[in-house]
Amino acid sequence: MPIPILSNLVNGIKEGVKASLQGVADISTTIIEVVKNNAVNLMKQSGEFTGKGVEAAASVVKGAVAGVADIGASFTGAISGIVRGTVRGLTEAGEQPELAAKGAVSQAIQSAKELGADVGQVAVEAVKGSVEAVKAVGGDSISATKETVTAAIQTAQELGSDVFQAVKTSLETSVDGAKEIIDAAIKEKPAEPVQSPQMPTQPPENPKNPQV
């Protein structure tokens, strides 16, 4: 199921990102700090988002993507910076970095699908960016890789076979260790034994009463 979105946080991030990036020629050098600062400010201003690491991260990404789109900048080129800023901002606001990374990656793929972007490329950029952000704030990069790759593949599964195949192929090709993580995530449950249908039993014939 899609991650629940916090609309107030989405709108706040969207407007903050738009205002901060207006007139900036190359947003790739500023997007991380812009998203991080806006996320920190909004998270600290309102207690309603506290403790909602996954949902808050997804909402920050969704808002930042909308803000970037509104100024006509490239979504695909900005997504790595968006997820980095999201993870760093939410961590500074007191959330768990691994949960923030998970929510950020999931929403990045969801947004890519909605915008018709290259979901495979976005998945790779989002996973790599979020893992680097987790490592930068002192988190466990191995655990973060597992969490984000799993989140990516699960989100892709929910979006259809084409999205799933594109994300799976891209991650296995471009992210170290992704193939093993994906294989574990999509491992099929053992098939239940198939029982042969039982034929309806015929009631035993009553023996004829012996004639006296």
N, C-alpha and C. Protein backbone atom coordinates (compact mmCIF):
# COMPACT_ATOMS: atom_id res chain seq x y z
N MET A 1 0.83 -1.20 0.00
CA MET A 1 0.00 0.00 0.00
C MET A 1 0.87 1.26 0.00
N PRO A 2 0.42 2.32 -0.67
CA PRO A 2 1.19 3.57 -0.67
C PRO A 2 1.35 4.12 0.74
N ILE A 3 2.46 4.80 0.98
CA ILE A 3 2.70 5.42 2.29
C ILE A 3 1.73 6.59 2.47
N PRO A 4 1.07 6.68 3.63
CA PRO A 4 0.18 7.83 3.87
C PRO A 4 0.94 9.14 3.78
N ILE A 5 0.33 10.11 3.12
CA ILE A 5 0.97 11.40 2.90
C ILE A 5 0.41 12.45 3.85
N LEU A 6 1.30 13.28 4.41
CA LEU A 6 0.91 14.35 5.32
C LEU A 6 0.78 15.63 4.51
N SER A 7 -0.45 15.98 4.15
CA SER A 7 -0.68 17.05 3.18
C SER A 7 -0.12 18.40 3.62
N ASN A 8 -0.21 18.71 4.91
CA ASN A 8 0.33 19.99 5.39
C ASN A 8 1.85 20.07 5.18
N LEU A 9 2.51 18.96 5.39
CA LEU A 9 3.96 18.93 5.19
C LEU A 9 4.30 19.02 3.71
N VAL A 10 3.54 18.32 2.88
CA VAL A 10 3.75 18.38 1.43
C VAL A 10 3.66 19.81 0.93
N ASN A 11 2.59 20.49 1.33
CA ASN A 11 2.38 21.87 0.86
C ASN A 11 3.44 22.83 1.37
N GLY A 12 3.82 22.66 2.62
CA GLY A 12 4.85 23.53 3.18
C GLY A 12 6.19 23.36 2.49
N ILE A 13 6.57 22.12 2.23
CA ILE A 13 7.83 21.85 1.54
C ILE A 13 7.78 22.37 0.11
N LYS A 14 6.68 22.14 -0.55
CA LYS A 14 6.53 22.58 -1.94
C LYS A 14 6.75 24.08 -2.06
N GLU A 15 6.07 24.85 -1.23
CA GLU A 15 6.19 26.30 -1.31
C GLU A 15 7.57 26.78 -0.89
N GLY A 16 8.15 26.13 0.11
CA GLY A 16 9.49 26.51 0.56
C GLY A 16 10.55 26.24 -0.49
N VAL A 17 10.44 25.10 -1.14
CA VAL A 17 11.41 24.76 -2.19
C VAL A 17 11.27 25.70 -3.38
N LYS A 18 10.04 25.99 -3.77
CA LYS A 18 9.81 26.92 -4.88
C LYS A 18 10.43 28.28 -4.60
N ALA A 19 10.18 28.79 -3.40
CA ALA A 19 10.69 30.11 -3.05
C ALA A 19 12.21 30.14 -3.00
N SER A 20 12.80 29.05 -2.50
CA SER A 20 14.26 29.00 -2.34
C SER A 20 14.99 28.82 -3.66
N LEU A 21 14.35 28.14 -4.61
CA LEU A 21 15.03 27.84 -5.87
C LEU A 21 14.68 28.78 -7.01
N GLN A 22 13.77 29.69 -6.75
CA GLN A 22 13.35 30.62 -7.80
C GLN A 22 14.55 31.42 -8.30
N GLY A 23 14.82 31.34 -9.61
CA GLY A 23 15.91 32.09 -10.20
C GLY A 23 17.27 31.43 -10.09
N VAL A 24 17.34 30.24 -9.48
CA VAL A 24 18.62 29.52 -9.36
C VAL A 24 18.87 28.76 -10.66
N ALA A 25 20.01 29.00 -11.27
CA ALA A 25 20.31 28.39 -12.57
C ALA A 25 20.59 26.89 -12.45
N ASP A 26 21.41 26.51 -11.50
CA ASP A 26 21.78 25.10 -11.34
C ASP A 26 21.37 24.64 -9.95
N ILE A 27 20.20 23.99 -9.87
CA ILE A 27 19.68 23.62 -8.55
C ILE A 27 20.43 22.44 -7.94
N SER A 28 21.20 21.71 -8.75
CA SER A 28 21.88 20.52 -8.23
C SER A 28 22.84 20.84 -7.10
N THR A 29 23.37 22.07 -7.09
CA THR A 29 24.33 22.45 -6.05
C THR A 29 23.65 22.99 -4.79
N THR A 30 22.36 23.24 -4.87
CA THR A 30 21.66 23.85 -3.72
C THR A 30 20.50 23.02 -3.19
N ILE A 31 20.03 22.05 -3.95
CA ILE A 31 18.80 21.33 -3.60
C ILE A 31 18.90 20.60 -2.27
N ILE A 32 20.06 20.04 -1.95
CA ILE A 32 20.20 19.28 -0.70
C ILE A 32 19.94 20.19 0.49
N GLU A 33 20.62 21.33 0.54
CA GLU A 33 20.46 22.24 1.67
C GLU A 33 19.06 22.84 1.71
N VAL A 34 18.49 23.14 0.54
CA VAL A 34 17.15 23.71 0.48
C VAL A 34 16.13 22.75 1.08
N VAL A 35 16.17 21.51 0.66
CA VAL A 35 15.22 20.52 1.17
C VAL A 35 15.47 20.26 2.65
N LYS A 36 16.72 20.11 3.02
CA LYS A 36 17.05 19.84 4.42
C LYS A 36 16.55 20.96 5.33
N ASN A 37 16.86 22.21 4.99
CA ASN A 37 16.47 23.33 5.84
C ASN A 37 14.95 23.48 5.95
N ASN A 38 14.26 23.30 4.83
CA ASN A 38 12.81 23.39 4.86
C ASN A 38 12.20 22.26 5.69
N ALA A 39 12.77 21.07 5.56
CA ALA A 39 12.26 19.92 6.33
C ALA A 39 12.47 20.14 7.83
N VAL A 40 13.65 20.59 8.20
CA VAL A 40 13.94 20.84 9.62
C VAL A 40 12.99 21.89 10.19
N ASN A 41 12.83 22.99 9.47
CA ASN A 41 11.97 24.07 9.96
C ASN A 41 10.52 23.61 10.16
N LEU A 42 9.98 22.91 9.17
CA LEU A 42 8.59 22.48 9.26
C LEU A 42 8.40 21.40 10.31
N MET A 43 9.35 20.49 10.44
CA MET A 43 9.24 19.42 11.44
C MET A 43 9.29 20.00 12.84
N LYS A 44 10.11 21.02 13.04
CA LYS A 44 10.25 21.60 14.38
C LYS A 44 9.12 22.57 14.72
N GLN A 45 8.50 23.14 13.69
CA GLN A 45 7.41 24.08 13.92
C GLN A 45 6.14 23.38 14.39
N SER A 46 5.95 22.17 13.94
CA SER A 46 4.70 21.47 14.26
C SER A 46 4.97 20.09 14.82
N GLY A 47 4.36 19.80 15.95
CA GLY A 47 4.53 18.49 16.57
C GLY A 47 3.73 17.41 15.89
N GLU A 48 2.86 17.77 14.95
CA GLU A 48 2.01 16.77 14.31
C GLU A 48 2.79 15.78 13.45
N PHE A 49 4.02 16.13 13.07
CA PHE A 49 4.81 15.26 12.21
C PHE A 49 5.81 14.41 12.99
N THR A 50 5.95 14.68 14.28
CA THR A 50 6.95 14.00 15.10
C THR A 50 6.64 12.51 15.20
N GLY A 51 7.69 11.70 15.05
CA GLY A 51 7.53 10.25 15.17
C GLY A 51 6.97 9.58 13.94
N LYS A 52 6.81 10.32 12.87
CA LYS A 52 6.27 9.75 11.63
C LYS A 52 7.35 9.76 10.56
N GLY A 53 8.45 9.08 10.87
CA GLY A 53 9.62 9.13 9.99
C GLY A 53 9.36 8.75 8.55
N VAL A 54 8.72 7.59 8.33
CA VAL A 54 8.49 7.12 6.97
C VAL A 54 7.51 8.04 6.24
N GLU A 55 6.37 8.34 6.91
CA GLU A 55 5.36 9.20 6.30
C GLU A 55 5.88 10.61 6.06
N ALA A 56 6.64 11.14 7.03
CA ALA A 56 7.18 12.48 6.88
C ALA A 56 8.17 12.55 5.74
N ALA A 57 9.02 11.55 5.62
CA ALA A 57 10.01 11.54 4.54
C ALA A 57 9.33 11.48 3.18
N ALA A 58 8.31 10.62 3.05
CA ALA A 58 7.59 10.53 1.79
C ALA A 58 6.93 11.85 1.45
N SER A 59 6.41 12.52 2.47
CA SER A 59 5.73 13.79 2.25
C SER A 59 6.71 14.89 1.84
N VAL A 60 7.89 14.89 2.44
CA VAL A 60 8.91 15.87 2.08
C VAL A 60 9.33 15.67 0.62
N VAL A 61 9.55 14.42 0.24
CA VAL A 61 9.94 14.14 -1.15
C VAL A 61 8.84 14.56 -2.11
N LYS A 62 7.61 14.22 -1.79
CA LYS A 62 6.50 14.58 -2.67
C LYS A 62 6.40 16.09 -2.82
N GLY A 63 6.54 16.82 -1.72
CA GLY A 63 6.48 18.28 -1.77
C GLY A 63 7.64 18.88 -2.54
N ALA A 64 8.84 18.34 -2.32
CA ALA A 64 10.03 18.85 -3.01
C ALA A 64 9.95 18.60 -4.51
N VAL A 65 9.46 17.42 -4.88
CA VAL A 65 9.30 17.10 -6.30
C VAL A 65 8.32 18.07 -6.95
N ALA A 66 7.23 18.37 -6.25
CA ALA A 66 6.25 19.31 -6.79
C ALA A 66 6.84 20.71 -6.93
N GLY A 67 7.64 21.11 -5.95
CA GLY A 67 8.27 22.41 -6.01
C GLY A 67 9.26 22.53 -7.16
N VAL A 68 10.05 21.47 -7.35
CA VAL A 68 11.00 21.44 -8.46
C VAL A 68 10.27 21.48 -9.80
N ALA A 69 9.18 20.73 -9.89
CA ALA A 69 8.41 20.70 -11.14
C ALA A 69 7.82 22.07 -11.45
N ASP A 70 7.40 22.79 -10.43
CA ASP A 70 6.76 24.09 -10.62
C ASP A 70 7.72 25.14 -11.19
N ILE A 71 9.01 24.97 -10.92
CA ILE A 71 9.96 25.95 -11.46
C ILE A 71 10.57 25.46 -12.78
N GLY A 72 10.10 24.30 -13.25
CA GLY A 72 10.54 23.79 -14.54
C GLY A 72 11.88 23.09 -14.53
N ALA A 73 12.34 22.67 -13.35
CA ALA A 73 13.63 21.98 -13.28
C ALA A 73 13.44 20.48 -13.51
N SER A 74 14.53 19.78 -13.77
CA SER A 74 14.49 18.35 -14.05
C SER A 74 14.28 17.55 -12.77
N PHE A 75 13.22 16.77 -12.76
CA PHE A 75 12.94 15.90 -11.60
C PHE A 75 14.03 14.84 -11.44
N THR A 76 14.37 14.17 -12.54
CA THR A 76 15.35 13.10 -12.48
C THR A 76 16.71 13.62 -12.00
N GLY A 77 17.09 14.79 -12.48
CA GLY A 77 18.37 15.36 -12.09
C GLY A 77 18.40 15.83 -10.65
N ALA A 78 17.23 16.06 -10.07
CA ALA A 78 17.16 16.60 -8.71
C ALA A 78 16.91 15.54 -7.64
N ILE A 79 16.48 14.33 -8.04
CA ILE A 79 15.98 13.38 -7.05
C ILE A 79 17.03 12.94 -6.05
N SER A 80 18.27 12.78 -6.48
CA SER A 80 19.32 12.38 -5.53
C SER A 80 19.48 13.43 -4.43
N GLY A 81 19.51 14.70 -4.84
CA GLY A 81 19.62 15.78 -3.86
C GLY A 81 18.40 15.88 -2.97
N ILE A 82 17.23 15.61 -3.54
CA ILE A 82 15.99 15.68 -2.76
C ILE A 82 16.00 14.64 -1.65
N VAL A 83 16.35 13.39 -1.98
CA VAL A 83 16.34 12.36 -0.94
C VAL A 83 17.45 12.58 0.08
N ARG A 84 18.59 13.09 -0.36
CA ARG A 84 19.66 13.39 0.60
C ARG A 84 19.22 14.47 1.58
N GLY A 85 18.65 15.53 1.03
CA GLY A 85 18.17 16.60 1.90
C GLY A 85 17.07 16.13 2.83
N THR A 86 16.22 15.24 2.35
CA THR A 86 15.14 14.71 3.17
C THR A 86 15.67 13.91 4.35
N VAL A 87 16.58 12.99 4.07
CA VAL A 87 17.14 12.15 5.14
C VAL A 87 17.90 12.99 6.15
N ARG A 88 18.70 13.92 5.66
CA ARG A 88 19.48 14.75 6.58
C ARG A 88 18.58 15.67 7.41
N GLY A 89 17.56 16.22 6.76
CA GLY A 89 16.66 17.12 7.48
C GLY A 89 15.86 16.41 8.54
N LEU A 90 15.30 15.26 8.21
CA LEU A 90 14.50 14.53 9.19
C LEU A 90 15.36 13.98 10.33
N THR A 91 16.58 13.58 10.01
CA THR A 91 17.48 13.12 11.06
C THR A 91 17.80 14.25 12.03
N GLU A 92 18.06 15.43 11.48
CA GLU A 92 18.33 16.59 12.34
C GLU A 92 17.12 16.95 13.19
N ALA A 93 15.93 16.64 12.67
CA ALA A 93 14.70 16.93 13.42
C ALA A 93 14.36 15.83 14.41
N GLY A 94 15.18 14.79 14.49
CA GLY A 94 14.99 13.76 15.52
C GLY A 94 14.43 12.44 15.04
N GLU A 95 14.27 12.26 13.73
CA GLU A 95 13.74 11.00 13.21
C GLU A 95 14.88 10.02 12.92
N GLN A 96 14.55 8.74 12.83
CA GLN A 96 15.55 7.72 12.51
C GLN A 96 15.96 7.80 11.04
N PRO A 97 17.26 7.89 10.75
CA PRO A 97 17.69 8.06 9.36
C PRO A 97 17.27 6.92 8.45
N GLU A 98 17.29 5.67 8.96
CA GLU A 98 16.92 4.53 8.11
C GLU A 98 15.44 4.60 7.71
N LEU A 99 14.58 5.03 8.64
CA LEU A 99 13.16 5.16 8.32
C LEU A 99 12.93 6.29 7.32
N ALA A 100 13.66 7.37 7.51
CA ALA A 100 13.55 8.50 6.57
C ALA A 100 13.99 8.06 5.17
N ALA A 101 15.06 7.30 5.10
CA ALA A 101 15.56 6.82 3.81
C ALA A 101 14.53 5.92 3.14
N LYS A 102 13.92 5.06 3.91
CA LYS A 102 12.91 4.14 3.38
C LYS A 102 11.73 4.90 2.77
N GLY A 103 11.22 5.88 3.51
CA GLY A 103 10.09 6.66 3.00
C GLY A 103 10.47 7.50 1.80
N ALA A 104 11.68 8.04 1.80
CA ALA A 104 12.13 8.89 0.70
C ALA A 104 12.25 8.10 -0.60
N VAL A 105 12.83 6.91 -0.52
CA VAL A 105 13.01 6.09 -1.72
C VAL A 105 11.67 5.63 -2.28
N SER A 106 10.79 5.20 -1.40
CA SER A 106 9.47 4.73 -1.84
C SER A 106 8.72 5.82 -2.59
N GLN A 107 8.72 7.03 -2.03
CA GLN A 107 7.98 8.12 -2.67
C GLN A 107 8.67 8.59 -3.94
N ALA A 108 9.98 8.51 -4.00
CA ALA A 108 10.69 8.90 -5.22
C ALA A 108 10.24 8.05 -6.40
N ILE A 109 10.09 6.75 -6.17
CA ILE A 109 9.64 5.85 -7.23
C ILE A 109 8.18 6.11 -7.58
N GLN A 110 7.37 6.35 -6.56
CA GLN A 110 5.96 6.67 -6.79
C GLN A 110 5.84 7.93 -7.65
N SER A 111 6.62 8.95 -7.32
CA SER A 111 6.58 10.20 -8.07
C SER A 111 7.08 10.01 -9.50
N ALA A 112 8.11 9.18 -9.67
CA ALA A 112 8.62 8.90 -11.01
C ALA A 112 7.55 8.28 -11.88
N LYS A 113 6.81 7.36 -11.31
CA LYS A 113 5.72 6.71 -12.05
C LYS A 113 4.66 7.73 -12.43
N GLU A 114 4.29 8.60 -11.49
CA GLU A 114 3.24 9.59 -11.73
C GLU A 114 3.65 10.60 -12.80
N LEU A 115 4.95 10.94 -12.84
CA LEU A 115 5.44 11.95 -13.77
C LEU A 115 5.92 11.37 -15.10
N GLY A 116 5.89 10.05 -15.22
CA GLY A 116 6.35 9.42 -16.45
C GLY A 116 7.85 9.46 -16.62
N ALA A 117 8.58 9.55 -15.50
CA ALA A 117 10.05 9.58 -15.56
C ALA A 117 10.59 8.16 -15.62
N ASP A 118 11.90 8.04 -15.80
CA ASP A 118 12.57 6.75 -15.86
C ASP A 118 12.63 6.17 -14.44
N VAL A 119 11.75 5.23 -14.14
CA VAL A 119 11.65 4.71 -12.77
C VAL A 119 12.91 3.96 -12.36
N GLY A 120 13.55 3.30 -13.30
CA GLY A 120 14.78 2.58 -12.98
C GLY A 120 15.89 3.52 -12.57
N GLN A 121 16.08 4.57 -13.34
CA GLN A 121 17.12 5.54 -13.02
C GLN A 121 16.82 6.25 -11.71
N VAL A 122 15.57 6.61 -11.51
CA VAL A 122 15.18 7.29 -10.27
C VAL A 122 15.40 6.38 -9.07
N ALA A 123 15.08 5.10 -9.20
CA ALA A 123 15.30 4.16 -8.10
C ALA A 123 16.77 4.10 -7.70
N VAL A 124 17.65 4.03 -8.71
CA VAL A 124 19.08 3.98 -8.43
C VAL A 124 19.56 5.25 -7.75
N GLU A 125 19.17 6.40 -8.30
CA GLU A 125 19.59 7.68 -7.72
C GLU A 125 19.07 7.84 -6.29
N ALA A 126 17.83 7.41 -6.08
CA ALA A 126 17.22 7.55 -4.75
C ALA A 126 17.89 6.65 -3.72
N VAL A 127 18.13 5.40 -4.11
CA VAL A 127 18.79 4.46 -3.18
C VAL A 127 20.20 4.93 -2.85
N LYS A 128 20.97 5.27 -3.87
CA LYS A 128 22.35 5.71 -3.63
C LYS A 128 22.38 7.00 -2.80
N GLY A 129 21.52 7.94 -3.15
CA GLY A 129 21.49 9.20 -2.41
C GLY A 129 21.10 9.03 -0.96
N SER A 130 20.10 8.21 -0.71
CA SER A 130 19.64 8.02 0.67
C SER A 130 20.67 7.28 1.51
N VAL A 131 21.33 6.29 0.91
CA VAL A 131 22.36 5.55 1.66
C VAL A 131 23.52 6.47 2.00
N GLU A 132 23.93 7.31 1.06
CA GLU A 132 25.01 8.26 1.33
C GLU A 132 24.61 9.23 2.44
N ALA A 133 23.33 9.63 2.44
CA ALA A 133 22.86 10.55 3.48
C ALA A 133 22.85 9.88 4.85
N VAL A 134 22.41 8.63 4.90
CA VAL A 134 22.42 7.89 6.17
C VAL A 134 23.84 7.76 6.69
N LYS A 135 24.76 7.44 5.81
CA LYS A 135 26.16 7.32 6.21
C LYS A 135 26.71 8.65 6.71
N ALA A 136 26.31 9.74 6.06
CA ALA A 136 26.81 11.07 6.43
C ALA A 136 26.35 11.50 7.82
N VAL A 137 25.19 11.00 8.25
CA VAL A 137 24.70 11.38 9.58
C VAL A 137 25.06 10.35 10.64
N GLY A 138 25.93 9.40 10.27
CA GLY A 138 26.43 8.44 11.25
C GLY A 138 25.64 7.14 11.32
N GLY A 139 24.76 6.91 10.34
CA GLY A 139 23.98 5.69 10.34
C GLY A 139 24.72 4.53 9.69
N ASP A 140 24.07 3.38 9.68
CA ASP A 140 24.65 2.15 9.14
C ASP A 140 24.30 2.05 7.66
N SER A 141 25.31 2.18 6.81
CA SER A 141 25.06 2.17 5.36
C SER A 141 24.62 0.80 4.86
N ILE A 142 25.10 -0.26 5.49
CA ILE A 142 24.70 -1.61 5.06
C ILE A 142 23.22 -1.84 5.34
N SER A 143 22.81 -1.46 6.55
CA SER A 143 21.39 -1.58 6.91
C SER A 143 20.54 -0.68 6.02
N ALA A 144 21.03 0.51 5.76
CA ALA A 144 20.28 1.45 4.92
C ALA A 144 20.12 0.92 3.50
N THR A 145 21.17 0.28 2.97
CA THR A 145 21.07 -0.30 1.63
C THR A 145 19.98 -1.37 1.60
N LYS A 146 19.97 -2.22 2.60
CA LYS A 146 18.96 -3.28 2.65
C LYS A 146 17.56 -2.69 2.75
N GLU A 147 17.38 -1.70 3.63
CA GLU A 147 16.05 -1.09 3.82
C GLU A 147 15.57 -0.38 2.56
N THR A 148 16.46 0.36 1.93
CA THR A 148 16.02 1.16 0.78
C THR A 148 15.81 0.31 -0.48
N VAL A 149 16.66 -0.67 -0.70
CA VAL A 149 16.46 -1.55 -1.85
C VAL A 149 15.16 -2.34 -1.67
N THR A 150 14.92 -2.82 -0.47
CA THR A 150 13.67 -3.55 -0.19
C THR A 150 12.47 -2.64 -0.39
N ALA A 151 12.55 -1.41 0.11
CA ALA A 151 11.45 -0.46 -0.05
C ALA A 151 11.21 -0.17 -1.54
N ALA A 152 12.29 -0.03 -2.29
CA ALA A 152 12.18 0.26 -3.72
C ALA A 152 11.49 -0.87 -4.46
N ILE A 153 11.89 -2.10 -4.19
CA ILE A 153 11.34 -3.23 -4.92
C ILE A 153 9.90 -3.49 -4.52
N GLN A 154 9.57 -3.28 -3.25
CA GLN A 154 8.19 -3.46 -2.81
C GLN A 154 7.28 -2.40 -3.42
N THR A 155 7.75 -1.18 -3.47
CA THR A 155 6.97 -0.11 -4.11
C THR A 155 6.77 -0.40 -5.59
N ALA A 156 7.83 -0.85 -6.24
CA ALA A 156 7.76 -1.16 -7.67
C ALA A 156 6.76 -2.28 -7.93
N GLN A 157 6.73 -3.28 -7.06
CA GLN A 157 5.78 -4.38 -7.22
C GLN A 157 4.34 -3.88 -7.21
N GLU A 158 4.08 -2.89 -6.36
CA GLU A 158 2.73 -2.35 -6.25
C GLU A 158 2.33 -1.51 -7.46
N LEU A 159 3.32 -1.05 -8.23
CA LEU A 159 3.05 -0.15 -9.36
C LEU A 159 2.95 -0.88 -10.70
N GLY A 160 3.09 -2.19 -10.69
CA GLY A 160 2.92 -2.94 -11.93
C GLY A 160 4.17 -3.64 -12.40
N SER A 161 3.98 -4.61 -13.28
CA SER A 161 5.09 -5.46 -13.72
C SER A 161 6.16 -4.68 -14.49
N ASP A 162 5.76 -3.70 -15.29
CA ASP A 162 6.76 -2.93 -16.05
C ASP A 162 7.66 -2.13 -15.12
N VAL A 163 7.06 -1.48 -14.14
CA VAL A 163 7.83 -0.70 -13.16
C VAL A 163 8.73 -1.64 -12.35
N PHE A 164 8.17 -2.74 -11.93
CA PHE A 164 8.94 -3.70 -11.14
C PHE A 164 10.18 -4.18 -11.90
N GLN A 165 10.01 -4.55 -13.16
CA GLN A 165 11.13 -5.06 -13.93
C GLN A 165 12.19 -4.00 -14.17
N ALA A 166 11.75 -2.76 -14.42
CA ALA A 166 12.70 -1.67 -14.66
C ALA A 166 13.51 -1.37 -13.40
N VAL A 167 12.83 -1.31 -12.28
CA VAL A 167 13.51 -1.03 -11.01
C VAL A 167 14.44 -2.16 -10.62
N LYS A 168 13.96 -3.37 -10.74
CA LYS A 168 14.77 -4.55 -10.39
C LYS A 168 16.05 -4.60 -11.22
N THR A 169 15.92 -4.46 -12.53
CA THR A 169 17.07 -4.53 -13.41
C THR A 169 18.08 -3.41 -13.11
N SER A 170 17.57 -2.21 -12.93
CA SER A 170 18.45 -1.06 -12.68
C SER A 170 19.20 -1.20 -11.36
N LEU A 171 18.51 -1.62 -10.33
CA LEU A 171 19.16 -1.76 -9.02
C LEU A 171 20.19 -2.88 -9.04
N GLU A 172 19.84 -4.00 -9.64
CA GLU A 172 20.79 -5.12 -9.69
C GLU A 172 22.04 -4.76 -10.47
N THR A 173 21.89 -3.90 -11.46
CA THR A 173 23.02 -3.50 -12.29
C THR A 173 23.90 -2.45 -11.61
N SER A 174 23.26 -1.55 -10.85
CA SER A 174 23.97 -0.34 -10.40
C SER A 174 24.23 -0.23 -8.90
N VAL A 175 23.61 -1.08 -8.09
CA VAL A 175 23.79 -0.97 -6.63
C VAL A 175 24.40 -2.26 -6.10
N ASP A 176 25.56 -2.14 -5.46
CA ASP A 176 26.25 -3.31 -4.92
C ASP A 176 25.37 -4.04 -3.90
N GLY A 177 25.25 -5.34 -4.09
CA GLY A 177 24.49 -6.15 -3.14
C GLY A 177 23.00 -6.16 -3.36
N ALA A 178 22.53 -5.40 -4.35
CA ALA A 178 21.08 -5.29 -4.55
C ALA A 178 20.45 -6.61 -4.97
N LYS A 179 21.15 -7.38 -5.79
CA LYS A 179 20.55 -8.62 -6.30
C LYS A 179 20.20 -9.56 -5.16
N GLU A 180 21.10 -9.73 -4.22
CA GLU A 180 20.83 -10.62 -3.09
C GLU A 180 19.68 -10.10 -2.23
N ILE A 181 19.63 -8.79 -2.04
CA ILE A 181 18.55 -8.20 -1.24
C ILE A 181 17.21 -8.39 -1.94
N ILE A 182 17.21 -8.16 -3.25
CA ILE A 182 15.97 -8.30 -4.02
C ILE A 182 15.50 -9.75 -4.04
N ASP A 183 16.43 -10.67 -4.23
CA ASP A 183 16.06 -12.09 -4.23
C ASP A 183 15.39 -12.48 -2.92
N ALA A 184 15.92 -11.95 -1.82
CA ALA A 184 15.33 -12.27 -0.51
C ALA A 184 13.96 -11.62 -0.35
N ALA A 185 13.84 -10.41 -0.91
CA ALA A 185 12.58 -9.66 -0.74
C ALA A 185 11.43 -10.26 -1.53
N ILE A 186 11.76 -10.86 -2.67
CA ILE A 186 10.68 -11.37 -3.53
C ILE A 186 10.61 -12.89 -3.52
N LYS A 187 11.34 -13.48 -2.59
CA LYS A 187 11.35 -14.93 -2.51
C LYS A 187 9.93 -15.45 -2.32
N GLU A 188 9.58 -16.38 -3.16
CA GLU A 188 8.22 -16.90 -3.10
C GLU A 188 8.04 -17.79 -1.88
N LYS A 189 6.85 -17.70 -1.34
CA LYS A 189 6.52 -18.59 -0.23
C LYS A 189 6.39 -20.01 -0.78
N PRO A 190 6.74 -20.99 0.05
CA PRO A 190 6.59 -22.37 -0.43
C PRO A 190 5.16 -22.64 -0.84
N ALA A 191 5.04 -23.24 -1.98
CA ALA A 191 3.69 -23.52 -2.47
C ALA A 191 3.01 -24.54 -1.57
N GLU A 192 1.75 -24.31 -1.29
CA GLU A 192 1.01 -25.25 -0.48
C GLU A 192 0.71 -26.48 -1.32
N PRO A 193 0.78 -27.64 -0.68
CA PRO A 193 0.51 -28.86 -1.45
C PRO A 193 -0.88 -28.84 -2.04
N VAL A 194 -0.95 -29.27 -3.28
CA VAL A 194 -2.24 -29.29 -3.95
C VAL A 194 -2.92 -30.61 -3.64
N GLN A 195 -4.09 -30.52 -3.11
CA GLN A 195 -4.83 -31.71 -2.78
C GLN A 195 -5.75 -32.08 -3.92
N SER A 196 -5.78 -33.35 -4.22
CA SER A 196 -6.69 -33.80 -5.27
C SER A 196 -8.12 -33.63 -4.78
N PRO A 197 -8.96 -33.16 -5.65
CA PRO A 197 -10.35 -33.00 -5.22
C PRO A 197 -10.94 -34.35 -4.85
N GLN A 198 -11.66 -34.36 -3.77
CA GLN A 198 -12.27 -35.60 -3.32
C GLN A 198 -13.56 -35.85 -4.08
N MET A 199 -13.70 -37.09 -4.49
CA MET A 199 -14.93 -37.46 -5.16
C MET A 199 -16.03 -37.58 -4.12
N PRO A 200 -17.18 -37.12 -4.45
CA PRO A 200 -18.26 -37.25 -3.47
C PRO A 200 -18.51 -38.71 -3.15
N THR A 201 -18.63 -38.96 -1.88
CA THR A 201 -18.83 -40.35 -1.47
C THR A 201 -20.27 -40.75 -1.65
N GLN A 202 -20.44 -41.94 -2.17
CA GLN A 202 -21.78 -42.47 -2.35
C GLN A 202 -22.21 -43.18 -1.08
N PRO A 203 -23.40 -42.93 -0.66
CA PRO A 203 -23.85 -43.64 0.54
C PRO A 203 -23.89 -45.14 0.28
N PRO A 204 -23.46 -45.93 1.24
CA PRO A 204 -23.44 -47.38 1.02
C PRO A 204 -24.85 -47.88 0.77
N GLU A 205 -24.90 -48.83 -0.15
CA GLU A 205 -26.21 -49.39 -0.44
C GLU A 205 -26.68 -50.21 0.76
N ASN A 206 -27.93 -50.02 1.09
CA ASN A 206 -28.48 -50.80 2.18
C ASN A 206 -28.74 -52.22 1.70
N PRO A 207 -28.23 -53.14 2.43
CA PRO A 207 -28.49 -54.53 2.00
C PRO A 207 -29.98 -54.81 2.03
N LYS A 208 -30.38 -55.53 1.06
CA LYS A 208 -31.79 -55.88 1.03
C LYS A 208 -32.15 -56.72 2.24
N ASN A 209 -33.30 -56.41 2.77
CA ASN A 209 -33.75 -57.20 3.92
C ASN A 209 -34.04 -58.62 3.46
N PRO A 210 -33.48 -59.56 4.15
CA PRO A 210 -33.74 -60.94 3.73
C PRO A 210 -35.22 -61.25 3.86
N GLN A 211 -35.70 -61.95 2.92
CA GLN A 211 -37.09 -62.33 2.98
C GLN A 211 -37.30 -63.41 4.04
N VAL A 212 -38.36 -63.26 4.76
CA VAL A 212 -38.65 -64.23 5.81
C VAL A 212 -39.39 -65.40 5.20
